[in-house]
Amino acid sequence: MLVRILDLRQEHWSPKLLFEIIKGIDSPIVLDEATKSRSFGHFARVLVDLDLTGKLLSEFLVERESFAFFRED
């Protein structure tokens, strides 16, 4: 499944941070090319190996030092 992360500050767009955020949903596989190169910038996209037999999240909390936000689908 391709997951889009909206409203994320550019300083949090590193592959390591994006993968850490996505681990809150399931197992990240790869960033799309526009996200890697930051050529688009409105949202980050990550391919995720998602277990569809479980409950799907409608929101999750992203926390970092002095920064937190809820992401809702």
PDB file of N, CA and C in Angstrom:
ATOM      1  N   MET A   1       0.845  -1.168   0.000  1.00  0.00           N
ATOM      2  CA  MET A   1       0.000   0.000   0.000  1.00  0.00           C
ATOM      3  C   MET A   1       0.897   1.240   0.000  1.00  0.00           C
ATOM      4  N   LEU A   2       0.510   2.227  -0.768  1.00  0.00           N
ATOM      5  CA  LEU A   2       1.248   3.486  -0.816  1.00  0.00           C
ATOM      6  C   LEU A   2       0.616   4.448   0.181  1.00  0.00           C
ATOM      7  N   VAL A   3       1.394   4.909   1.152  1.00  0.00           N
ATOM      8  CA  VAL A   3       0.904   5.802   2.205  1.00  0.00           C
ATOM      9  C   VAL A   3       1.417   7.208   1.943  1.00  0.00           C
ATOM     10  N   ARG A   4       0.518   8.189   2.020  1.00  0.00           N
ATOM     11  CA  ARG A   4       0.905   9.601   1.897  1.00  0.00           C
ATOM     12  C   ARG A   4       0.910  10.229   3.282  1.00  0.00           C
ATOM     13  N   ILE A   5       1.947  11.001   3.565  1.00  0.00           N
ATOM     14  CA  ILE A   5       2.053  11.736   4.820  1.00  0.00           C
ATOM     15  C   ILE A   5       1.945  13.214   4.486  1.00  0.00           C
ATOM     16  N   LEU A   6       0.862  13.838   4.921  1.00  0.00           N
ATOM     17  CA  LEU A   6       0.618  15.251   4.651  1.00  0.00           C
ATOM     18  C   LEU A   6       1.091  16.115   5.814  1.00  0.00           C
ATOM     19  N   ASP A   7       1.313  17.395   5.559  1.00  0.00           N
ATOM     20  CA  ASP A   7       1.631  18.387   6.593  1.00  0.00           C
ATOM     21  C   ASP A   7       2.886  18.052   7.387  1.00  0.00           C
ATOM     22  N   LEU A   8       3.869  17.485   6.735  1.00  0.00           N
ATOM     23  CA  LEU A   8       5.118  17.139   7.402  1.00  0.00           C
ATOM     24  C   LEU A   8       6.171  18.169   7.015  1.00  0.00           C
ATOM     25  N   ARG A   9       6.817  18.747   8.005  1.00  0.00           N
ATOM     26  CA  ARG A   9       7.860  19.735   7.739  1.00  0.00           C
ATOM     27  C   ARG A   9       8.996  19.102   6.936  1.00  0.00           C
ATOM     28  N   GLN A  10       9.601  19.888   6.057  1.00  0.00           N
ATOM     29  CA  GLN A  10      10.672  19.388   5.195  1.00  0.00           C
ATOM     30  C   GLN A  10      11.861  18.821   5.987  1.00  0.00           C
ATOM     31  N   GLU A  11      12.120  19.348   7.170  1.00  0.00           N
ATOM     32  CA  GLU A  11      13.257  18.831   7.944  1.00  0.00           C
ATOM     33  C   GLU A  11      13.027  17.406   8.446  1.00  0.00           C
ATOM     34  N   HIS A  12      11.790  16.908   8.330  1.00  0.00           N
ATOM     35  CA  HIS A  12      11.479  15.537   8.753  1.00  0.00           C
ATOM     36  C   HIS A  12      11.366  14.584   7.566  1.00  0.00           C
ATOM     37  N   TRP A  13      11.827  15.018   6.396  1.00  0.00           N
ATOM     38  CA  TRP A  13      11.708  14.217   5.182  1.00  0.00           C
ATOM     39  C   TRP A  13      12.893  13.291   4.930  1.00  0.00           C
ATOM     40  N   SER A  14      13.779  13.105   5.862  1.00  0.00           N
ATOM     41  CA  SER A  14      14.895  12.185   5.624  1.00  0.00           C
ATOM     42  C   SER A  14      14.351  10.755   5.584  1.00  0.00           C
ATOM     43  N   PRO A  15      14.967   9.877   4.789  1.00  0.00           N
ATOM     44  CA  PRO A  15      14.493   8.489   4.728  1.00  0.00           C
ATOM     45  C   PRO A  15      14.405   7.836   6.106  1.00  0.00           C
ATOM     46  N   LYS A  16      15.381   8.075   6.946  1.00  0.00           N
ATOM     47  CA  LYS A  16      15.379   7.464   8.288  1.00  0.00           C
ATOM     48  C   LYS A  16      14.156   7.914   9.091  1.00  0.00           C
ATOM     49  N   LEU A  17      13.867   9.205   9.102  1.00  0.00           N
ATOM     50  CA  LEU A  17      12.715   9.707   9.860  1.00  0.00           C
ATOM     51  C   LEU A  17      11.388   9.248   9.264  1.00  0.00           C
ATOM     52  N   LEU A  18      11.281   9.269   7.936  1.00  0.00           N
ATOM     53  CA  LEU A  18      10.048   8.804   7.301  1.00  0.00           C
ATOM     54  C   LEU A  18       9.794   7.333   7.606  1.00  0.00           C
ATOM     55  N   PHE A  19      10.840   6.514   7.565  1.00  0.00           N
ATOM     56  CA  PHE A  19      10.670   5.097   7.899  1.00  0.00           C
ATOM     57  C   PHE A  19      10.269   4.923   9.357  1.00  0.00           C
ATOM     58  N   GLU A  20      10.819   5.724  10.256  1.00  0.00           N
ATOM     59  CA  GLU A  20      10.426   5.644  11.672  1.00  0.00           C
ATOM     60  C   GLU A  20       8.949   6.005  11.850  1.00  0.00           C
ATOM     61  N   ILE A  21       8.489   7.018  11.143  1.00  0.00           N
ATOM     62  CA  ILE A  21       7.076   7.404  11.218  1.00  0.00           C
ATOM     63  C   ILE A  21       6.203   6.263  10.705  1.00  0.00           C
ATOM     64  N   ILE A  22       6.553   5.700   9.568  1.00  0.00           N
ATOM     65  CA  ILE A  22       5.748   4.659   8.946  1.00  0.00           C
ATOM     66  C   ILE A  22       5.748   3.371   9.764  1.00  0.00           C
ATOM     67  N   LYS A  23       6.795   3.112  10.528  1.00  0.00           N
ATOM     68  CA  LYS A  23       6.813   1.921  11.380  1.00  0.00           C
ATOM     69  C   LYS A  23       5.650   1.926  12.372  1.00  0.00           C
ATOM     70  N   GLY A  24       5.066   3.114  12.631  1.00  0.00           N
ATOM     71  CA  GLY A  24       3.885   3.191  13.481  1.00  0.00           C
ATOM     72  C   GLY A  24       2.655   2.595  12.824  1.00  0.00           C
ATOM     73  N   ILE A  25       2.706   2.433  11.510  1.00  0.00           N
ATOM     74  CA  ILE A  25       1.601   1.821  10.762  1.00  0.00           C
ATOM     75  C   ILE A  25       1.913   0.354  10.494  1.00  0.00           C
ATOM     76  N   ASP A  26       3.049   0.095   9.872  1.00  0.00           N
ATOM     77  CA  ASP A  26       3.505  -1.261   9.559  1.00  0.00           C
ATOM     78  C   ASP A  26       4.911  -1.181   8.989  1.00  0.00           C
ATOM     79  N   SER A  27       5.305  -2.118   8.157  1.00  0.00           N
ATOM     80  CA  SER A  27       6.686  -2.226   7.683  1.00  0.00           C
ATOM     81  C   SER A  27       6.937  -1.405   6.418  1.00  0.00           C
ATOM     82  N   PRO A  28       7.768  -0.348   6.505  1.00  0.00           N
ATOM     83  CA  PRO A  28       8.081   0.445   5.315  1.00  0.00           C
ATOM     84  C   PRO A  28       8.967  -0.347   4.359  1.00  0.00           C
ATOM     85  N   ILE A  29       8.755  -0.123   3.056  1.00  0.00           N
ATOM     86  CA  ILE A  29       9.546  -0.816   2.042  1.00  0.00           C
ATOM     87  C   ILE A  29      10.479   0.162   1.335  1.00  0.00           C
ATOM     88  N   VAL A  30       9.915   1.213   0.731  1.00  0.00           N
ATOM     89  CA  VAL A  30      10.728   2.145  -0.050  1.00  0.00           C
ATOM     90  C   VAL A  30       9.998   3.484  -0.163  1.00  0.00           C
ATOM     91  N   LEU A  31      10.776   4.565  -0.296  1.00  0.00           N
ATOM     92  CA  LEU A  31      10.222   5.893  -0.572  1.00  0.00           C
ATOM     93  C   LEU A  31      10.014   6.022  -2.070  1.00  0.00           C
ATOM     94  N   ASP A  32       9.008   6.773  -2.495  1.00  0.00           N
ATOM     95  CA  ASP A  32       8.864   7.015  -3.928  1.00  0.00           C
ATOM     96  C   ASP A  32       9.934   8.025  -4.370  1.00  0.00           C
ATOM     97  N   GLU A  33      10.167   8.087  -5.672  1.00  0.00           N
ATOM     98  CA  GLU A  33      11.255   8.910  -6.210  1.00  0.00           C
ATOM     99  C   GLU A  33      11.059  10.401  -5.932  1.00  0.00           C
ATOM    100  N   ALA A  34       9.817  10.902  -6.020  1.00  0.00           N
ATOM    101  CA  ALA A  34       9.568  12.326  -5.754  1.00  0.00           C
ATOM    102  C   ALA A  34       9.866  12.668  -4.297  1.00  0.00           C
ATOM    103  N   THR A  35       9.589  11.738  -3.386  1.00  0.00           N
ATOM    104  CA  THR A  35       9.887  11.962  -1.972  1.00  0.00           C
ATOM    105  C   THR A  35      11.398  11.935  -1.739  1.00  0.00           C
ATOM    106  N   LYS A  36      12.086  10.967  -2.339  1.00  0.00           N
ATOM    107  CA  LYS A  36      13.546  10.883  -2.193  1.00  0.00           C
ATOM    108  C   LYS A  36      14.226  12.154  -2.661  1.00  0.00           C
ATOM    109  N   SER A  37      13.785  12.666  -3.807  1.00  0.00           N
ATOM    110  CA  SER A  37      14.436  13.832  -4.383  1.00  0.00           C
ATOM    111  C   SER A  37      13.816  15.150  -3.909  1.00  0.00           C
ATOM    112  N   ARG A  38      12.731  15.047  -3.133  1.00  0.00           N
ATOM    113  CA  ARG A  38      11.985  16.218  -2.641  1.00  0.00           C
ATOM    114  C   ARG A  38      11.560  17.120  -3.795  1.00  0.00           C
ATOM    115  N   SER A  39      11.218  16.515  -4.921  1.00  0.00           N
ATOM    116  CA  SER A  39      10.857  17.293  -6.106  1.00  0.00           C
ATOM    117  C   SER A  39       9.404  17.739  -6.117  1.00  0.00           C
ATOM    118  N   PHE A  40       8.568  17.163  -5.284  1.00  0.00           N
ATOM    119  CA  PHE A  40       7.158  17.537  -5.279  1.00  0.00           C
ATOM    120  C   PHE A  40       6.848  18.378  -4.054  1.00  0.00           C
ATOM    121  N   GLY A  41       7.015  17.841  -2.846  1.00  0.00           N
ATOM    122  CA  GLY A  41       6.961  18.638  -1.634  1.00  0.00           C
ATOM    123  C   GLY A  41       5.645  18.827  -0.915  1.00  0.00           C
ATOM    124  N   HIS A  42       4.510  18.407  -1.498  1.00  0.00           N
ATOM    125  CA  HIS A  42       3.228  18.581  -0.810  1.00  0.00           C
ATOM    126  C   HIS A  42       2.934  17.453   0.172  1.00  0.00           C
ATOM    127  N   PHE A  43       3.475  16.288  -0.096  1.00  0.00           N
ATOM    128  CA  PHE A  43       3.327  15.149   0.800  1.00  0.00           C
ATOM    129  C   PHE A  43       4.448  14.156   0.517  1.00  0.00           C
ATOM    130  N   ALA A  44       4.752  13.349   1.518  1.00  0.00           N
ATOM    131  CA  ALA A  44       5.733  12.278   1.352  1.00  0.00           C
ATOM    132  C   ALA A  44       4.967  10.989   1.081  1.00  0.00           C
ATOM    133  N   ARG A  45       5.511  10.135   0.218  1.00  0.00           N
ATOM    134  CA  ARG A  45       4.883   8.845  -0.068  1.00  0.00           C
ATOM    135  C   ARG A  45       5.862   7.726   0.229  1.00  0.00           C
ATOM    136  N   VAL A  46       5.336   6.698   0.911  1.00  0.00           N
ATOM    137  CA  VAL A  46       6.152   5.543   1.287  1.00  0.00           C
ATOM    138  C   VAL A  46       5.358   4.281   0.975  1.00  0.00           C
ATOM    139  N   LEU A  47       6.001   3.321   0.319  1.00  0.00           N
ATOM    140  CA  LEU A  47       5.384   2.030   0.077  1.00  0.00           C
ATOM    141  C   LEU A  47       5.497   1.221   1.363  1.00  0.00           C
ATOM    142  N   VAL A  48       4.368   0.657   1.815  1.00  0.00           N
ATOM    143  CA  VAL A  48       4.308  -0.036   3.098  1.00  0.00           C
ATOM    144  C   VAL A  48       3.764  -1.447   2.899  1.00  0.00           C
ATOM    145  N   ASP A  49       4.409  -2.419   3.539  1.00  0.00           N
ATOM    146  CA  ASP A  49       3.882  -3.779   3.585  1.00  0.00           C
ATOM    147  C   ASP A  49       2.857  -3.800   4.705  1.00  0.00           C
ATOM    148  N   LEU A  50       1.589  -3.754   4.356  1.00  0.00           N
ATOM    149  CA  LEU A  50       0.511  -3.574   5.320  1.00  0.00           C
ATOM    150  C   LEU A  50      -0.274  -4.860   5.496  1.00  0.00           C
ATOM    151  N   ASP A  51      -0.463  -5.281   6.738  1.00  0.00           N
ATOM    152  CA  ASP A  51      -1.269  -6.454   7.054  1.00  0.00           C
ATOM    153  C   ASP A  51      -2.740  -6.048   7.000  1.00  0.00           C
ATOM    154  N   LEU A  52      -3.433  -6.439   5.960  1.00  0.00           N
ATOM    155  CA  LEU A  52      -4.825  -6.045   5.776  1.00  0.00           C
ATOM    156  C   LEU A  52      -5.806  -6.907   6.557  1.00  0.00           C
ATOM    157  N   THR A  53      -5.306  -7.910   7.283  1.00  0.00           N
ATOM    158  CA  THR A  53      -6.204  -8.720   8.107  1.00  0.00           C
ATOM    159  C   THR A  53      -6.508  -8.042   9.443  1.00  0.00           C
ATOM    160  N   GLY A  54      -5.676  -7.078   9.816  1.00  0.00           N
ATOM    161  CA  GLY A  54      -5.877  -6.348  11.073  1.00  0.00           C
ATOM    162  C   GLY A  54      -6.688  -5.089  10.853  1.00  0.00           C
ATOM    163  N   LYS A  55      -6.881  -4.344  11.928  1.00  0.00           N
ATOM    164  CA  LYS A  55      -7.624  -3.091  11.870  1.00  0.00           C
ATOM    165  C   LYS A  55      -6.753  -2.009  11.232  1.00  0.00           C
ATOM    166  N   LEU A  56      -7.339  -1.243  10.316  1.00  0.00           N
ATOM    167  CA  LEU A  56      -6.612  -0.144   9.688  1.00  0.00           C
ATOM    168  C   LEU A  56      -6.717   1.101  10.557  1.00  0.00           C
ATOM    169  N   LEU A  57      -5.627   1.828  10.675  1.00  0.00           N
ATOM    170  CA  LEU A  57      -5.609   3.055  11.470  1.00  0.00           C
ATOM    171  C   LEU A  57      -6.269   4.200  10.716  1.00  0.00           C
ATOM    172  N   SER A  58      -6.996   5.030  11.423  1.00  0.00           N
ATOM    173  CA  SER A  58      -7.545   6.236  10.803  1.00  0.00           C
ATOM    174  C   SER A  58      -6.718   7.459  11.196  1.00  0.00           C
ATOM    175  N   GLU A  59      -5.905   7.318  12.271  1.00  0.00           N
ATOM    176  CA  GLU A  59      -5.006   8.388  12.676  1.00  0.00           C
ATOM    177  C   GLU A  59      -3.879   7.790  13.505  1.00  0.00           C
ATOM    178  N   PHE A  60      -2.772   8.532  13.583  1.00  0.00           N
ATOM    179  CA  PHE A  60      -1.682   8.138  14.464  1.00  0.00           C
ATOM    180  C   PHE A  60      -0.923   9.388  14.875  1.00  0.00           C
ATOM    181  N   LEU A  61      -0.259   9.304  16.003  1.00  0.00           N
ATOM    182  CA  LEU A  61       0.478  10.435  16.564  1.00  0.00           C
ATOM    183  C   LEU A  61       1.947  10.325  16.198  1.00  0.00           C
ATOM    184  N   VAL A  62       2.488  11.409  15.673  1.00  0.00           N
ATOM    185  CA  VAL A  62       3.916  11.493  15.368  1.00  0.00           C
ATOM    186  C   VAL A  62       4.526  12.425  16.396  1.00  0.00           C
ATOM    187  N   GLU A  63       5.493  11.924  17.159  1.00  0.00           N
ATOM    188  CA  GLU A  63       6.152  12.723  18.191  1.00  0.00           C
ATOM    189  C   GLU A  63       7.657  12.747  17.963  1.00  0.00           C
ATOM    190  N   ARG A  64       8.209  13.941  18.106  1.00  0.00           N
ATOM    191  CA  ARG A  64       9.652  14.140  18.109  1.00  0.00           C
ATOM    192  C   ARG A  64       9.940  15.177  19.177  1.00  0.00           C
ATOM    193  N   GLU A  65      11.181  15.350  19.503  1.00  0.00           N
ATOM    194  CA  GLU A  65      11.543  16.351  20.492  1.00  0.00           C
ATOM    195  C   GLU A  65      10.981  17.713  20.085  1.00  0.00           C
ATOM    196  N   SER A  66      10.184  18.311  20.927  1.00  0.00           N
ATOM    197  CA  SER A  66       9.495  19.600  20.718  1.00  0.00           C
ATOM    198  C   SER A  66       8.638  19.665  19.448  1.00  0.00           C
ATOM    199  N   PHE A  67       8.083  18.524  19.033  1.00  0.00           N
ATOM    200  CA  PHE A  67       7.237  18.510  17.854  1.00  0.00           C
ATOM    201  C   PHE A  67       6.324  17.287  17.927  1.00  0.00           C
ATOM    202  N   ALA A  68       5.024  17.475  17.695  1.00  0.00           N
ATOM    203  CA  ALA A  68       4.084  16.360  17.641  1.00  0.00           C
ATOM    204  C   ALA A  68       2.885  16.774  16.819  1.00  0.00           C
ATOM    205  N   PHE A  69       2.295  15.814  16.116  1.00  0.00           N
ATOM    206  CA  PHE A  69       1.044  16.084  15.404  1.00  0.00           C
ATOM    207  C   PHE A  69       0.303  14.774  15.189  1.00  0.00           C
ATOM    208  N   PHE A  70      -1.017  14.865  15.083  1.00  0.00           N
ATOM    209  CA  PHE A  70      -1.850  13.726  14.729  1.00  0.00           C
ATOM    210  C   PHE A  70      -1.994  13.711  13.230  1.00  0.00           C
ATOM    211  N   ARG A  71      -1.926  12.562  12.650  1.00  0.00           N
ATOM    212  CA  ARG A  71      -2.174  12.389  11.221  1.00  0.00           C
ATOM    213  C   ARG A  71      -3.477  11.617  11.077  1.00  0.00           C
ATOM    214  N   GLU A  72      -4.456  12.209  10.411  1.00  0.00           N
ATOM    215  CA  GLU A  72      -5.732  11.544  10.163  1.00  0.00           C
ATOM    216  C   GLU A  72      -5.873  11.260   8.699  1.00  0.00           C
ATOM    217  N   ASP A  73      -6.467  10.113   8.372  1.00  0.00           N
ATOM    218  CA  ASP A  73      -6.736   9.767   6.971  1.00  0.00           C
ATOM    219  C   ASP A  73      -8.071  10.304   6.547  1.00  0.00           C
TER     220      ASP A  73
END
